[in-house]
Amino acid sequence: MVTFCYLAIFGLMAILVTLFDMNIFNFTFWEALKSTLFSEVATGRMILLVTVGVGLVSSMITDFRILKSKKKSAST
């Protein structure tokens, strides 16, 4: 559930940034999304990918620990 919430928040924030770019720069939705995802130079893209990766891994670990805890409490 934590992983789903993380992905949902990330997706909704990407859509929000795209909507802001649409209004500010008069782009279409697809142009603004492409600009948001692919216009960053290597440093910005690496910061974004590392942040997304760390967040995804940490949410998966949290989900695994919750599942393990539920199984342990159900068996006792």
N, C-alpha and C. Protein backbone atom coordinates (compact mmCIF):
# COMPACT_ATOMS: atom_id res chain seq x y z
N MET A 1 0.82 -1.19 0.00
CA MET A 1 0.00 0.00 0.00
C MET A 1 0.87 1.26 0.00
N VAL A 2 1.97 1.20 0.70
CA VAL A 2 2.88 2.36 0.74
C VAL A 2 3.44 2.62 -0.66
N THR A 3 3.79 1.55 -1.37
CA THR A 3 4.34 1.70 -2.72
C THR A 3 3.30 2.31 -3.65
N PHE A 4 2.05 1.86 -3.55
CA PHE A 4 0.99 2.42 -4.38
C PHE A 4 0.81 3.91 -4.09
N CYS A 5 0.81 4.28 -2.82
CA CYS A 5 0.66 5.70 -2.45
C CYS A 5 1.82 6.53 -2.98
N TYR A 6 3.03 5.98 -2.89
CA TYR A 6 4.21 6.68 -3.40
C TYR A 6 4.08 6.92 -4.90
N LEU A 7 3.72 5.89 -5.64
CA LEU A 7 3.58 6.03 -7.09
C LEU A 7 2.44 6.98 -7.46
N ALA A 8 1.35 6.92 -6.70
CA ALA A 8 0.23 7.82 -6.96
C ALA A 8 0.62 9.28 -6.72
N ILE A 9 1.31 9.54 -5.64
CA ILE A 9 1.75 10.91 -5.34
C ILE A 9 2.73 11.39 -6.39
N PHE A 10 3.68 10.54 -6.78
CA PHE A 10 4.64 10.93 -7.80
C PHE A 10 3.94 11.24 -9.12
N GLY A 11 2.99 10.39 -9.51
CA GLY A 11 2.26 10.62 -10.76
C GLY A 11 1.43 11.89 -10.72
N LEU A 12 0.75 12.11 -9.60
CA LEU A 12 -0.07 13.32 -9.48
C LEU A 12 0.78 14.59 -9.46
N MET A 13 1.95 14.52 -8.85
CA MET A 13 2.84 15.69 -8.86
C MET A 13 3.38 15.96 -10.26
N ALA A 14 3.67 14.91 -11.02
CA ALA A 14 4.11 15.09 -12.40
C ALA A 14 3.01 15.74 -13.24
N ILE A 15 1.77 15.31 -13.02
CA ILE A 15 0.64 15.92 -13.74
C ILE A 15 0.46 17.37 -13.33
N LEU A 16 0.63 17.67 -12.05
CA LEU A 16 0.50 19.05 -11.59
C LEU A 16 1.57 19.95 -12.21
N VAL A 17 2.79 19.49 -12.27
CA VAL A 17 3.86 20.27 -12.90
C VAL A 17 3.56 20.46 -14.38
N THR A 18 3.05 19.42 -15.01
CA THR A 18 2.69 19.52 -16.43
C THR A 18 1.59 20.56 -16.65
N LEU A 19 0.59 20.58 -15.76
CA LEU A 19 -0.47 21.58 -15.88
C LEU A 19 0.06 23.00 -15.69
N PHE A 20 0.98 23.17 -14.74
CA PHE A 20 1.58 24.49 -14.56
C PHE A 20 2.34 24.91 -15.81
N ASP A 21 3.11 23.98 -16.40
CA ASP A 21 3.85 24.30 -17.62
C ASP A 21 2.90 24.63 -18.77
N MET A 22 1.79 23.94 -18.82
CA MET A 22 0.81 24.23 -19.87
C MET A 22 0.32 25.67 -19.77
N ASN A 23 0.04 26.12 -18.56
CA ASN A 23 -0.49 27.47 -18.37
C ASN A 23 0.58 28.53 -18.52
N ILE A 24 1.78 28.27 -18.06
CA ILE A 24 2.83 29.29 -18.10
C ILE A 24 3.41 29.45 -19.50
N PHE A 25 3.73 28.32 -20.17
CA PHE A 25 4.43 28.38 -21.45
C PHE A 25 3.52 28.15 -22.65
N ASN A 26 2.22 27.99 -22.42
CA ASN A 26 1.26 27.74 -23.50
C ASN A 26 1.62 26.51 -24.34
N PHE A 27 2.00 25.44 -23.65
CA PHE A 27 2.27 24.16 -24.29
C PHE A 27 1.00 23.32 -24.31
N THR A 28 0.98 22.32 -25.19
CA THR A 28 -0.06 21.30 -25.07
C THR A 28 0.34 20.36 -23.94
N PHE A 29 -0.58 19.47 -23.56
CA PHE A 29 -0.28 18.55 -22.45
C PHE A 29 0.94 17.70 -22.75
N TRP A 30 1.00 17.13 -23.96
CA TRP A 30 2.11 16.23 -24.29
C TRP A 30 3.43 16.98 -24.42
N GLU A 31 3.41 18.21 -24.94
CA GLU A 31 4.63 19.02 -25.02
C GLU A 31 5.14 19.36 -23.62
N ALA A 32 4.22 19.71 -22.72
CA ALA A 32 4.63 20.04 -21.36
C ALA A 32 5.17 18.82 -20.63
N LEU A 33 4.55 17.67 -20.82
CA LEU A 33 5.03 16.44 -20.19
C LEU A 33 6.41 16.07 -20.72
N LYS A 34 6.59 16.17 -22.03
CA LYS A 34 7.91 15.88 -22.63
C LYS A 34 8.95 16.87 -22.13
N SER A 35 8.58 18.13 -22.02
CA SER A 35 9.50 19.14 -21.52
C SER A 35 9.89 18.86 -20.08
N THR A 36 8.93 18.43 -19.27
CA THR A 36 9.20 18.14 -17.87
C THR A 36 10.11 16.94 -17.72
N LEU A 37 9.89 15.90 -18.50
CA LEU A 37 10.65 14.66 -18.32
C LEU A 37 11.99 14.64 -19.05
N PHE A 38 12.10 15.32 -20.17
CA PHE A 38 13.28 15.15 -20.99
C PHE A 38 14.12 16.41 -21.21
N SER A 39 13.72 17.54 -20.66
CA SER A 39 14.48 18.76 -20.93
C SER A 39 15.64 18.96 -19.97
N GLU A 40 15.64 18.26 -18.88
CA GLU A 40 16.71 18.44 -17.89
C GLU A 40 18.04 17.96 -18.44
N VAL A 41 19.07 18.68 -18.10
CA VAL A 41 20.42 18.27 -18.45
C VAL A 41 20.77 17.08 -17.56
N ALA A 42 21.87 16.44 -17.79
CA ALA A 42 22.22 15.19 -17.11
C ALA A 42 22.15 15.29 -15.59
N THR A 43 22.59 16.38 -15.01
CA THR A 43 22.59 16.50 -13.55
C THR A 43 21.17 16.51 -13.00
N GLY A 44 20.29 17.28 -13.58
CA GLY A 44 18.91 17.33 -13.12
C GLY A 44 18.20 15.99 -13.29
N ARG A 45 18.47 15.34 -14.40
CA ARG A 45 17.86 14.03 -14.64
C ARG A 45 18.36 13.00 -13.64
N MET A 46 19.64 13.03 -13.31
CA MET A 46 20.20 12.07 -12.35
C MET A 46 19.63 12.32 -10.96
N ILE A 47 19.49 13.57 -10.58
CA ILE A 47 18.89 13.89 -9.27
C ILE A 47 17.46 13.36 -9.22
N LEU A 48 16.71 13.55 -10.27
CA LEU A 48 15.33 13.07 -10.33
C LEU A 48 15.27 11.55 -10.27
N LEU A 49 16.09 10.87 -11.06
CA LEU A 49 16.06 9.40 -11.07
C LEU A 49 16.52 8.80 -9.75
N VAL A 50 17.54 9.37 -9.14
CA VAL A 50 18.01 8.85 -7.85
C VAL A 50 16.94 9.06 -6.78
N THR A 51 16.31 10.21 -6.78
CA THR A 51 15.26 10.48 -5.79
C THR A 51 14.08 9.53 -5.96
N VAL A 52 13.65 9.33 -7.19
CA VAL A 52 12.55 8.40 -7.45
C VAL A 52 12.95 6.98 -7.08
N GLY A 53 14.16 6.58 -7.41
CA GLY A 53 14.63 5.24 -7.08
C GLY A 53 14.71 4.98 -5.59
N VAL A 54 15.27 5.93 -4.85
CA VAL A 54 15.37 5.78 -3.40
C VAL A 54 13.99 5.73 -2.76
N GLY A 55 13.08 6.59 -3.20
CA GLY A 55 11.72 6.58 -2.67
C GLY A 55 11.00 5.28 -2.96
N LEU A 56 11.16 4.76 -4.18
CA LEU A 56 10.50 3.52 -4.54
C LEU A 56 11.06 2.34 -3.74
N VAL A 57 12.36 2.27 -3.61
CA VAL A 57 12.97 1.19 -2.83
C VAL A 57 12.56 1.26 -1.36
N SER A 58 12.57 2.45 -0.79
CA SER A 58 12.20 2.57 0.63
C SER A 58 10.73 2.23 0.85
N SER A 59 9.85 2.58 -0.08
CA SER A 59 8.44 2.23 0.08
C SER A 59 8.23 0.73 -0.09
N MET A 60 8.99 0.09 -0.96
CA MET A 60 8.89 -1.37 -1.11
C MET A 60 9.39 -2.08 0.14
N ILE A 61 10.46 -1.59 0.74
CA ILE A 61 10.97 -2.16 1.98
C ILE A 61 9.93 -2.01 3.09
N THR A 62 9.31 -0.84 3.17
CA THR A 62 8.28 -0.62 4.19
C THR A 62 7.10 -1.57 3.99
N ASP A 63 6.66 -1.74 2.73
CA ASP A 63 5.58 -2.70 2.46
C ASP A 63 5.97 -4.11 2.86
N PHE A 64 7.19 -4.52 2.56
CA PHE A 64 7.65 -5.85 2.92
C PHE A 64 7.67 -6.05 4.44
N ARG A 65 8.12 -5.05 5.16
CA ARG A 65 8.15 -5.14 6.63
C ARG A 65 6.74 -5.21 7.21
N ILE A 66 5.81 -4.46 6.65
CA ILE A 66 4.42 -4.51 7.12
C ILE A 66 3.83 -5.90 6.86
N LEU A 67 4.07 -6.43 5.66
CA LEU A 67 3.58 -7.76 5.32
C LEU A 67 4.18 -8.82 6.25
N LYS A 68 5.47 -8.73 6.51
CA LYS A 68 6.15 -9.68 7.40
C LYS A 68 5.59 -9.58 8.82
N SER A 69 5.33 -8.37 9.27
CA SER A 69 4.77 -8.17 10.61
C SER A 69 3.36 -8.75 10.71
N LYS A 70 2.55 -8.58 9.66
CA LYS A 70 1.19 -9.13 9.67
C LYS A 70 1.21 -10.66 9.69
N LYS A 71 2.12 -11.25 8.93
CA LYS A 71 2.22 -12.71 8.90
C LYS A 71 2.66 -13.24 10.26
N LYS A 72 3.59 -12.54 10.89
CA LYS A 72 4.10 -12.97 12.19
C LYS A 72 3.00 -12.88 13.26
N SER A 73 2.23 -11.79 13.23
CA SER A 73 1.17 -11.62 14.23
C SER A 73 0.01 -12.58 13.98
N ALA A 74 -0.22 -12.96 12.72
CA ALA A 74 -1.30 -13.88 12.40
C ALA A 74 -0.95 -15.31 12.84
N SER A 75 0.33 -15.65 12.82
CA SER A 75 0.73 -17.01 13.16
C SER A 75 0.82 -17.23 14.67
N THR A 76 0.90 -16.17 15.46
CA THR A 76 0.99 -16.34 16.93
C THR A 76 -0.34 -16.16 17.59
